[in-house]
């Protein structure tokens, strides 16, 4: 359980660090990706993009 928690945390850190580059590809603007401002800070919750990237990762693993 702890291992999966670490994997999810690392994936979120990586996704947030390359978020600007992925926005150029259209990720982050899909229906289901939420952006809002709260307490003077921009928050981004990429539900749809995460599902899409997980699907691509799963497909890549199955093909290899």
PDB file of N, CA and C in Angstrom:
ATOM      1  N   UNK A   1       0.819  -1.199   0.000  1.00  0.00           N
ATOM      2  CA  UNK A   1       0.000   0.000   0.000  1.00  0.00           C
ATOM      3  C   UNK A   1       0.860   1.258   0.000  1.00  0.00           C
ATOM      4  N   UNK A   2       1.901   1.245   0.813  1.00  0.00           N
ATOM      5  CA  UNK A   2       2.786   2.405   0.881  1.00  0.00           C
ATOM      6  C   UNK A   2       3.496   2.604  -0.455  1.00  0.00           C
ATOM      7  N   UNK A   3       3.854   1.511  -1.104  1.00  0.00           N
ATOM      8  CA  UNK A   3       4.549   1.621  -2.386  1.00  0.00           C
ATOM      9  C   UNK A   3       3.664   2.321  -3.415  1.00  0.00           C
ATOM     10  N   UNK A   4       2.377   1.992  -3.465  1.00  0.00           N
ATOM     11  CA  UNK A   4       1.475   2.629  -4.420  1.00  0.00           C
ATOM     12  C   UNK A   4       1.259   4.097  -4.090  1.00  0.00           C
ATOM     13  N   UNK A   5       1.239   4.423  -2.828  1.00  0.00           N
ATOM     14  CA  UNK A   5       1.113   5.817  -2.423  1.00  0.00           C
ATOM     15  C   UNK A   5       2.321   6.624  -2.896  1.00  0.00           C
ATOM     16  N   UNK A   6       3.502   6.042  -2.778  1.00  0.00           N
ATOM     17  CA  UNK A   6       4.713   6.708  -3.258  1.00  0.00           C
ATOM     18  C   UNK A   6       4.685   6.841  -4.770  1.00  0.00           C
ATOM     19  N   UNK A   7       4.240   5.807  -5.469  1.00  0.00           N
ATOM     20  CA  UNK A   7       4.158   5.857  -6.935  1.00  0.00           C
ATOM     21  C   UNK A   7       3.200   6.955  -7.381  1.00  0.00           C
ATOM     22  N   UNK A   8       2.050   7.055  -6.750  1.00  0.00           N
ATOM     23  CA  UNK A   8       1.076   8.092  -7.100  1.00  0.00           C
ATOM     24  C   UNK A   8       1.653   9.473  -6.816  1.00  0.00           C
ATOM     25  N   UNK A   9       2.325   9.641  -5.690  1.00  0.00           N
ATOM     26  CA  UNK A   9       2.926  10.928  -5.347  1.00  0.00           C
ATOM     27  C   UNK A   9       3.985  11.326  -6.369  1.00  0.00           C
ATOM     28  N   UNK A  10       4.856  10.398  -6.734  1.00  0.00           N
ATOM     29  CA  UNK A  10       5.897  10.689  -7.724  1.00  0.00           C
ATOM     30  C   UNK A  10       5.275  11.009  -9.079  1.00  0.00           C
ATOM     31  N   UNK A  11       4.239  10.281  -9.464  1.00  0.00           N
ATOM     32  CA  UNK A  11       3.568  10.552 -10.738  1.00  0.00           C
ATOM     33  C   UNK A  11       2.949  11.944 -10.745  1.00  0.00           C
ATOM     34  N   UNK A  12       2.344  12.356  -9.642  1.00  0.00           N
ATOM     35  CA  UNK A  12       1.770  13.701  -9.573  1.00  0.00           C
ATOM     36  C   UNK A  12       2.840  14.775  -9.634  1.00  0.00           C
ATOM     37  N   UNK A  13       3.975  14.545  -8.998  1.00  0.00           N
ATOM     38  CA  UNK A  13       5.074  15.513  -9.051  1.00  0.00           C
ATOM     39  C   UNK A  13       5.607  15.628 -10.473  1.00  0.00           C
ATOM     40  N   UNK A  14       5.805  14.501 -11.134  1.00  0.00           N
ATOM     41  CA  UNK A  14       6.299  14.518 -12.515  1.00  0.00           C
ATOM     42  C   UNK A  14       5.286  15.183 -13.433  1.00  0.00           C
ATOM     43  N   UNK A  15       4.012  14.847 -13.269  1.00  0.00           N
ATOM     44  CA  UNK A  15       2.975  15.426 -14.119  1.00  0.00           C
ATOM     45  C   UNK A  15       2.887  16.936 -13.933  1.00  0.00           C
ATOM     46  N   UNK A  16       2.991  17.394 -12.705  1.00  0.00           N
ATOM     47  CA  UNK A  16       2.899  18.836 -12.465  1.00  0.00           C
ATOM     48  C   UNK A  16       4.133  19.566 -12.965  1.00  0.00           C
ATOM     49  N   UNK A  17       5.284  18.902 -12.962  1.00  0.00           N
ATOM     50  CA  UNK A  17       6.498  19.569 -13.428  1.00  0.00           C
ATOM     51  C   UNK A  17       6.543  19.692 -14.951  1.00  0.00           C
ATOM     52  N   UNK A  18       5.924  18.773 -15.657  1.00  0.00           N
ATOM     53  CA  UNK A  18       5.911  18.865 -17.119  1.00  0.00           C
ATOM     54  C   UNK A  18       4.550  19.330 -17.636  1.00  0.00           C
ATOM     55  N   UNK A  19       3.757  19.902 -16.749  1.00  0.00           N
ATOM     56  CA  UNK A  19       2.401  20.330 -17.100  1.00  0.00           C
ATOM     57  C   UNK A  19       2.347  21.368 -18.205  1.00  0.00           C
ATOM     58  N   UNK A  20       3.256  22.341 -18.182  1.00  0.00           N
ATOM     59  CA  UNK A  20       3.256  23.387 -19.216  1.00  0.00           C
ATOM     60  C   UNK A  20       3.539  22.791 -20.592  1.00  0.00           C
ATOM     61  N   UNK A  21       4.455  21.837 -20.651  1.00  0.00           N
ATOM     62  CA  UNK A  21       4.773  21.205 -21.924  1.00  0.00           C
ATOM     63  C   UNK A  21       3.599  20.363 -22.420  1.00  0.00           C
ATOM     64  N   UNK A  22       2.932  19.673 -21.502  1.00  0.00           N
ATOM     65  CA  UNK A  22       1.795  18.842 -21.890  1.00  0.00           C
ATOM     66  C   UNK A  22       0.589  19.673 -22.317  1.00  0.00           C
ATOM     67  N   UNK A  23       0.474  20.906 -21.802  1.00  0.00           N
ATOM     68  CA  UNK A  23      -0.631  21.774 -22.221  1.00  0.00           C
ATOM     69  C   UNK A  23      -0.531  22.110 -23.704  1.00  0.00           C
ATOM     70  N   UNK A  24       0.685  22.189 -24.220  1.00  0.00           N
ATOM     71  CA  UNK A  24       0.866  22.461 -25.650  1.00  0.00           C
ATOM     72  C   UNK A  24       0.322  21.317 -26.499  1.00  0.00           C
ATOM     73  N   UNK A  25       0.285  20.116 -25.929  1.00  0.00           N
ATOM     74  CA  UNK A  25      -0.263  18.953 -26.632  1.00  0.00           C
ATOM     75  C   UNK A  25      -1.768  18.807 -26.449  1.00  0.00           C
ATOM     76  N   UNK A  26      -2.361  19.667 -25.609  1.00  0.00           N
ATOM     77  CA  UNK A  26      -3.799  19.621 -25.394  1.00  0.00           C
ATOM     78  C   UNK A  26      -4.206  18.975 -24.087  1.00  0.00           C
ATOM     79  N   UNK A  27      -3.265  18.383 -23.377  1.00  0.00           N
ATOM     80  CA  UNK A  27      -3.591  17.795 -22.085  1.00  0.00           C
ATOM     81  C   UNK A  27      -3.752  18.916 -21.072  1.00  0.00           C
ATOM     82  N   UNK A  28      -4.684  18.758 -20.179  1.00  0.00           N
ATOM     83  CA  UNK A  28      -4.961  19.801 -19.205  1.00  0.00           C
ATOM     84  C   UNK A  28      -6.138  20.663 -19.603  1.00  0.00           C
ATOM     85  N   UNK A  29      -6.606  20.499 -20.819  1.00  0.00           N
ATOM     86  CA  UNK A  29      -7.772  21.246 -21.294  1.00  0.00           C
ATOM     87  C   UNK A  29      -8.898  20.307 -21.698  1.00  0.00           C
ATOM     88  N   UNK A  30      -8.809  19.075 -21.277  1.00  0.00           N
ATOM     89  CA  UNK A  30      -9.845  18.096 -21.593  1.00  0.00           C
ATOM     90  C   UNK A  30     -11.041  18.278 -20.669  1.00  0.00           C
ATOM     91  N   UNK A  31     -12.226  17.848 -21.110  1.00  0.00           N
ATOM     92  CA  UNK A  31     -13.366  17.869 -20.187  1.00  0.00           C
ATOM     93  C   UNK A  31     -13.065  16.936 -19.009  1.00  0.00           C
ATOM     94  N   UNK A  32     -13.182  17.422 -17.829  1.00  0.00           N
ATOM     95  CA  UNK A  32     -12.845  16.644 -16.644  1.00  0.00           C
ATOM     96  C   UNK A  32     -11.583  17.128 -15.964  1.00  0.00           C
ATOM     97  N   UNK A  33     -10.845  18.027 -16.598  1.00  0.00           N
ATOM     98  CA  UNK A  33      -9.691  18.664 -15.973  1.00  0.00           C
ATOM     99  C   UNK A  33     -10.166  19.968 -15.351  1.00  0.00           C
ATOM    100  N   UNK A  34      -9.967  20.102 -14.068  1.00  0.00           N
ATOM    101  CA  UNK A  34     -10.505  21.255 -13.342  1.00  0.00           C
ATOM    102  C   UNK A  34      -9.406  22.242 -12.991  1.00  0.00           C
ATOM    103  N   UNK A  35      -9.684  23.519 -13.235  1.00  0.00           N
ATOM    104  CA  UNK A  35      -8.809  24.616 -12.822  1.00  0.00           C
ATOM    105  C   UNK A  35      -9.657  25.595 -12.037  1.00  0.00           C
ATOM    106  N   UNK A  36      -9.131  26.034 -10.919  1.00  0.00           N
ATOM    107  CA  UNK A  36      -9.844  27.046 -10.147  1.00  0.00           C
ATOM    108  C   UNK A  36      -8.853  27.817  -9.289  1.00  0.00           C
ATOM    109  N   UNK A  37      -9.268  28.982  -8.852  1.00  0.00           N
ATOM    110  CA  UNK A  37      -8.439  29.832  -8.005  1.00  0.00           C
ATOM    111  C   UNK A  37      -9.051  29.843  -6.612  1.00  0.00           C
ATOM    112  N   UNK A  38      -8.220  29.542  -5.619  1.00  0.00           N
ATOM    113  CA  UNK A  38      -8.673  29.490  -4.239  1.00  0.00           C
ATOM    114  C   UNK A  38      -7.579  30.070  -3.351  1.00  0.00           C
ATOM    115  N   UNK A  39      -7.940  31.041  -2.544  1.00  0.00           N
ATOM    116  CA  UNK A  39      -7.004  31.706  -1.634  1.00  0.00           C
ATOM    117  C   UNK A  39      -5.826  32.328  -2.379  1.00  0.00           C
ATOM    118  N   UNK A  40      -6.088  32.875  -3.568  1.00  0.00           N
ATOM    119  CA  UNK A  40      -5.050  33.545  -4.342  1.00  0.00           C
ATOM    120  C   UNK A  40      -4.077  32.613  -5.037  1.00  0.00           C
ATOM    121  N   UNK A  41      -4.396  31.349  -5.112  1.00  0.00           N
ATOM    122  CA  UNK A  41      -3.517  30.383  -5.758  1.00  0.00           C
ATOM    123  C   UNK A  41      -4.305  29.608  -6.802  1.00  0.00           C
ATOM    124  N   UNK A  42      -3.667  29.320  -7.930  1.00  0.00           N
ATOM    125  CA  UNK A  42      -4.305  28.523  -8.977  1.00  0.00           C
ATOM    126  C   UNK A  42      -4.142  27.043  -8.656  1.00  0.00           C
ATOM    127  N   UNK A  43      -5.239  26.316  -8.713  1.00  0.00           N
ATOM    128  CA  UNK A  43      -5.241  24.880  -8.466  1.00  0.00           C
ATOM    129  C   UNK A  43      -5.638  24.171  -9.752  1.00  0.00           C
ATOM    130  N   UNK A  44      -5.025  23.038 -10.005  1.00  0.00           N
ATOM    131  CA  UNK A  44      -5.268  22.272 -11.216  1.00  0.00           C
ATOM    132  C   UNK A  44      -5.434  20.808 -10.821  1.00  0.00           C
ATOM    133  N   UNK A  45      -6.577  20.234 -11.166  1.00  0.00           N
ATOM    134  CA  UNK A  45      -6.854  18.827 -10.874  1.00  0.00           C
ATOM    135  C   UNK A  45      -7.123  18.129 -12.210  1.00  0.00           C
ATOM    136  N   UNK A  46      -6.138  17.388 -12.734  1.00  0.00           N
ATOM    137  CA  UNK A  46      -6.237  16.804 -14.077  1.00  0.00           C
ATOM    138  C   UNK A  46      -6.833  15.399 -14.101  1.00  0.00           C
ATOM    139  N   UNK A  47      -8.124  15.268 -13.808  1.00  0.00           N
ATOM    140  CA  UNK A  47      -8.741  13.938 -13.795  1.00  0.00           C
ATOM    141  C   UNK A  47      -8.696  13.277 -15.177  1.00  0.00           C
ATOM    142  N   UNK A  48      -9.197  13.949 -16.188  1.00  0.00           N
ATOM    143  CA  UNK A  48      -9.284  13.342 -17.524  1.00  0.00           C
ATOM    144  C   UNK A  48      -7.900  13.103 -18.123  1.00  0.00           C
ATOM    145  N   UNK A  49      -6.990  14.040 -17.943  1.00  0.00           N
ATOM    146  CA  UNK A  49      -5.637  13.860 -18.475  1.00  0.00           C
ATOM    147  C   UNK A  49      -4.927  12.701 -17.794  1.00  0.00           C
ATOM    148  N   UNK A  50      -5.154  12.522 -16.505  1.00  0.00           N
ATOM    149  CA  UNK A  50      -4.544  11.414 -15.779  1.00  0.00           C
ATOM    150  C   UNK A  50      -5.062  10.079 -16.301  1.00  0.00           C
ATOM    151  N   UNK A  51      -6.353   9.996 -16.551  1.00  0.00           N
ATOM    152  CA  UNK A  51      -6.929   8.760 -17.095  1.00  0.00           C
ATOM    153  C   UNK A  51      -6.362   8.485 -18.482  1.00  0.00           C
ATOM    154  N   UNK A  52      -6.244   9.516 -19.309  1.00  0.00           N
ATOM    155  CA  UNK A  52      -5.709   9.353 -20.657  1.00  0.00           C
ATOM    156  C   UNK A  52      -4.249   8.900 -20.618  1.00  0.00           C
ATOM    157  N   UNK A  53      -3.430   9.528 -19.792  1.00  0.00           N
ATOM    158  CA  UNK A  53      -2.026   9.133 -19.685  1.00  0.00           C
ATOM    159  C   UNK A  53      -1.874   7.737 -19.093  1.00  0.00           C
ATOM    160  N   UNK A  54      -2.729   7.369 -18.167  1.00  0.00           N
ATOM    161  CA  UNK A  54      -2.691   6.015 -17.605  1.00  0.00           C
ATOM    162  C   UNK A  54      -3.031   4.982 -18.672  1.00  0.00           C
ATOM    163  N   UNK A  55      -4.001   5.299 -19.511  1.00  0.00           N
ATOM    164  CA  UNK A  55      -4.358   4.397 -20.608  1.00  0.00           C
ATOM    165  C   UNK A  55      -3.218   4.222 -21.595  1.00  0.00           C
ATOM    166  N   UNK A  56      -2.544   5.316 -21.933  1.00  0.00           N
ATOM    167  CA  UNK A  56      -1.390   5.215 -22.834  1.00  0.00           C
ATOM    168  C   UNK A  56      -0.259   4.414 -22.198  1.00  0.00           C
ATOM    169  N   UNK A  57      -0.024   4.630 -20.916  1.00  0.00           N
ATOM    170  CA  UNK A  57       1.013   3.872 -20.216  1.00  0.00           C
ATOM    171  C   UNK A  57       0.693   2.392 -20.165  1.00  0.00           C
ATOM    172  N   UNK A  58      -0.569   2.066 -19.887  1.00  0.00           N
ATOM    173  CA  UNK A  58      -0.990   0.670 -19.845  1.00  0.00           C
ATOM    174  C   UNK A  58      -0.816   0.019 -21.216  1.00  0.00           C
ATOM    175  N   UNK A  59      -1.225   0.731 -22.265  1.00  0.00           N
ATOM    176  CA  UNK A  59      -1.097   0.203 -23.622  1.00  0.00           C
ATOM    177  C   UNK A  59       0.368  -0.013 -23.996  1.00  0.00           C
ATOM    178  N   UNK A  60       1.215   0.918 -23.614  1.00  0.00           N
ATOM    179  CA  UNK A  60       2.641   0.790 -23.892  1.00  0.00           C
ATOM    180  C   UNK A  60       3.234  -0.419 -23.180  1.00  0.00           C
ATOM    181  N   UNK A  61       2.860  -0.632 -21.937  1.00  0.00           N
ATOM    182  CA  UNK A  61       3.355  -1.789 -21.177  1.00  0.00           C
ATOM    183  C   UNK A  61       2.872  -3.093 -21.811  1.00  0.00           C
ATOM    184  N   UNK A  62       1.615  -3.132 -22.253  1.00  0.00           N
ATOM    185  CA  UNK A  62       1.071  -4.352 -22.868  1.00  0.00           C
ATOM    186  C   UNK A  62       1.748  -4.658 -24.201  1.00  0.00           C
ATOM    187  N   UNK A  63       2.113  -3.614 -24.949  1.00  0.00           N
ATOM    188  CA  UNK A  63       2.755  -3.829 -26.244  1.00  0.00           C
ATOM    189  C   UNK A  63       4.213  -4.255 -26.106  1.00  0.00           C
ATOM    190  N   UNK A  64       4.843  -3.847 -25.031  1.00  0.00           N
ATOM    191  CA  UNK A  64       6.247  -4.224 -24.830  1.00  0.00           C
ATOM    192  C   UNK A  64       6.306  -5.571 -24.163  1.00  0.00           C
TER     193      UNK A  64
END
